[in-house]
C-alpha atoms as a PDB file:
ATOM      1  CA  UNK A   1      36.169 -32.546  26.725  1.00  0.00           C
ATOM      2  CA  UNK A   2      32.866 -31.895  28.511  1.00  0.00           C
ATOM      3  CA  UNK A   3      34.003 -28.395  29.460  1.00  0.00           C
ATOM      4  CA  UNK A   4      34.877 -27.677  25.848  1.00  0.00           C
ATOM      5  CA  UNK A   5      31.433 -28.778  24.661  1.00  0.00           C
ATOM      6  CA  UNK A   6      29.784 -26.746  27.413  1.00  0.00           C
ATOM      7  CA  UNK A   7      31.870 -23.718  26.409  1.00  0.00           C
ATOM      8  CA  UNK A   8      30.886 -24.119  22.753  1.00  0.00           C
ATOM      9  CA  UNK A   9      27.222 -24.461  23.738  1.00  0.00           C
ATOM     10  CA  UNK A  10      27.384 -21.304  25.870  1.00  0.00           C
ATOM     11  CA  UNK A  11      29.124 -19.460  23.037  1.00  0.00           C
ATOM     12  CA  UNK A  12      26.465 -20.599  20.556  1.00  0.00           C
ATOM     13  CA  UNK A  13      23.637 -19.481  22.852  1.00  0.00           C
ATOM     14  CA  UNK A  14      25.378 -16.141  23.369  1.00  0.00           C
ATOM     15  CA  UNK A  15      25.738 -15.688  19.601  1.00  0.00           C
ATOM     16  CA  UNK A  16      22.062 -16.475  19.030  1.00  0.00           C
ATOM     17  CA  UNK A  17      21.066 -14.007  21.759  1.00  0.00           C
ATOM     18  CA  UNK A  18      23.221 -11.286  20.223  1.00  0.00           C
ATOM     19  CA  UNK A  19      21.803 -11.893  16.759  1.00  0.00           C
ATOM     20  CA  UNK A  20      18.245 -11.704  18.089  1.00  0.00           C
ATOM     21  CA  UNK A  21      19.045  -8.556  20.064  1.00  0.00           C
ATOM     22  CA  UNK A  22      20.573  -6.724  17.117  1.00  0.00           C
ATOM     23  CA  UNK A  23      17.799  -7.925  14.821  1.00  0.00           C
ATOM     24  CA  UNK A  24      15.178  -6.458  17.149  1.00  0.00           C
ATOM     25  CA  UNK A  25      17.125  -3.185  17.241  1.00  0.00           C
ATOM     26  CA  UNK A  26      17.212  -3.078  13.447  1.00  0.00           C
ATOM     27  CA  UNK A  27      13.484  -3.796  13.223  1.00  0.00           C
ATOM     28  CA  UNK A  28      12.733  -1.021  15.709  1.00  0.00           C
ATOM     29  CA  UNK A  29      14.867   1.430  13.745  1.00  0.00           C
ATOM     30  CA  UNK A  30      13.121   0.393  10.536  1.00  0.00           C
ATOM     31  CA  UNK A  31       9.700   0.984  12.124  1.00  0.00           C
ATOM     32  CA  UNK A  32      10.865   4.374  13.403  1.00  0.00           C
ATOM     33  CA  UNK A  33      12.186   5.337   9.964  1.00  0.00           C
ATOM     34  CA  UNK A  34       8.942   4.251   8.284  1.00  0.00           C
ATOM     35  CA  UNK A  35       6.900   6.291  10.776  1.00  0.00           C
ATOM     36  CA  UNK A  36       9.109   9.327  10.148  1.00  0.00           C
ATOM     37  CA  UNK A  37       8.745   8.900   6.378  1.00  0.00           C
ATOM     38  CA  UNK A  38       4.946   8.765   6.743  1.00  0.00           C
ATOM     39  CA  UNK A  39       5.011  11.877   8.925  1.00  0.00           C
ATOM     40  CA  UNK A  40       7.153  13.785   6.444  1.00  0.00           C
ATOM     41  CA  UNK A  41       4.936  12.685   3.556  1.00  0.00           C
ATOM     42  CA  UNK A  42       1.926  14.011   5.455  1.00  0.00           C
ATOM     43  CA  UNK A  43       3.705  17.347   5.931  1.00  0.00           C
ATOM     44  CA  UNK A  44       4.522  17.506   2.213  1.00  0.00           C
ATOM     45  CA  UNK A  45       0.920  16.699   1.357  1.00  0.00           C
ATOM     46  CA  UNK A  46      -0.232  19.502   3.667  1.00  0.00           C
ATOM     47  CA  UNK A  47       2.218  21.979   2.119  1.00  0.00           C
ATOM     48  CA  UNK A  48       1.074  21.006  -1.379  1.00  0.00           C
ATOM     49  CA  UNK A  49      -2.578  21.361  -0.333  1.00  0.00           C
ATOM     50  CA  UNK A  50      -1.935  24.753   1.295  1.00  0.00           C
ATOM     51  CA  UNK A  51      -0.101  25.976  -1.817  1.00  0.00           C
ATOM     52  CA  UNK A  52      -2.971  24.808  -4.041  1.00  0.00           C
ATOM     53  CA  UNK A  53      -5.689  26.257  -1.782  1.00  0.00           C
ATOM     54  CA  UNK A  54      -3.940  29.634  -1.532  1.00  0.00           C
ATOM     55  CA  UNK A  55      -2.650  29.847  -5.111  1.00  0.00           C
ATOM     56  CA  UNK A  56      -4.676  33.030  -5.701  1.00  0.00           C
ATOM     57  CA  UNK A  57      -2.578  34.845  -3.066  1.00  0.00           C
ATOM     58  CA  UNK A  58       0.807  33.984  -4.601  1.00  0.00           C
ATOM     59  CA  UNK A  59       0.312  32.015  -7.810  1.00  0.00           C
ATOM     60  CA  UNK A  60       3.988  31.941  -8.819  1.00  0.00           C
ATOM     61  CA  UNK A  61       5.080  30.684  -5.412  1.00  0.00           C
ATOM     62  CA  UNK A  62       2.293  28.082  -5.342  1.00  0.00           C
ATOM     63  CA  UNK A  63       3.364  26.822  -8.760  1.00  0.00           C
ATOM     64  CA  UNK A  64       7.003  26.554  -7.675  1.00  0.00           C
ATOM     65  CA  UNK A  65       6.106  24.723  -4.449  1.00  0.00           C
ATOM     66  CA  UNK A  66       3.717  22.280  -6.117  1.00  0.00           C
ATOM     67  CA  UNK A  67       6.048  21.612  -9.051  1.00  0.00           C
ATOM     68  CA  UNK A  68       9.020  21.061  -6.742  1.00  0.00           C
ATOM     69  CA  UNK A  69       7.112  18.552  -4.630  1.00  0.00           C
ATOM     70  CA  UNK A  70       5.702  16.723  -7.657  1.00  0.00           C
ATOM     71  CA  UNK A  71       9.132  16.551  -9.303  1.00  0.00           C
ATOM     72  CA  UNK A  72      10.653  15.060  -6.170  1.00  0.00           C
ATOM     73  CA  UNK A  73       7.809  12.565  -5.902  1.00  0.00           C
ATOM     74  CA  UNK A  74       8.286  11.466  -9.517  1.00  0.00           C
ATOM     75  CA  UNK A  75      12.036  11.066  -9.073  1.00  0.00           C
ATOM     76  CA  UNK A  76      11.702   8.923  -5.948  1.00  0.00           C
ATOM     77  CA  UNK A  77       8.634   6.929  -6.994  1.00  0.00           C
ATOM     78  CA  UNK A  78       9.354   5.356 -10.367  1.00  0.00           C
ATOM     79  CA  UNK A  79       5.745   4.233 -10.809  1.00  0.00           C
ATOM     80  CA  UNK A  80       4.446   7.800 -11.116  1.00  0.00           C
ATOM     81  CA  UNK A  81       4.087   9.327 -14.588  1.00  0.00           C
ATOM     82  CA  UNK A  82       6.791  11.747 -15.263  1.00  0.00           C
END
């Protein structure tokens, strides 16, 4: 009976360790994904700024780029006016 209880205790500790391990992996992946999303948003902001700054060189292209980015932002951020 003692061996059975010891086995159950070891199994429980192992389960807790596995849950904590996989939870930390998930948190790390979430942080990585959030950092990548921030990086990509910064790139989009730069592209939009470059298109706006250089709109006199290619006004039609600048309009397409800016409108495409703004449309995507409105679709994925419900709080923005649209």
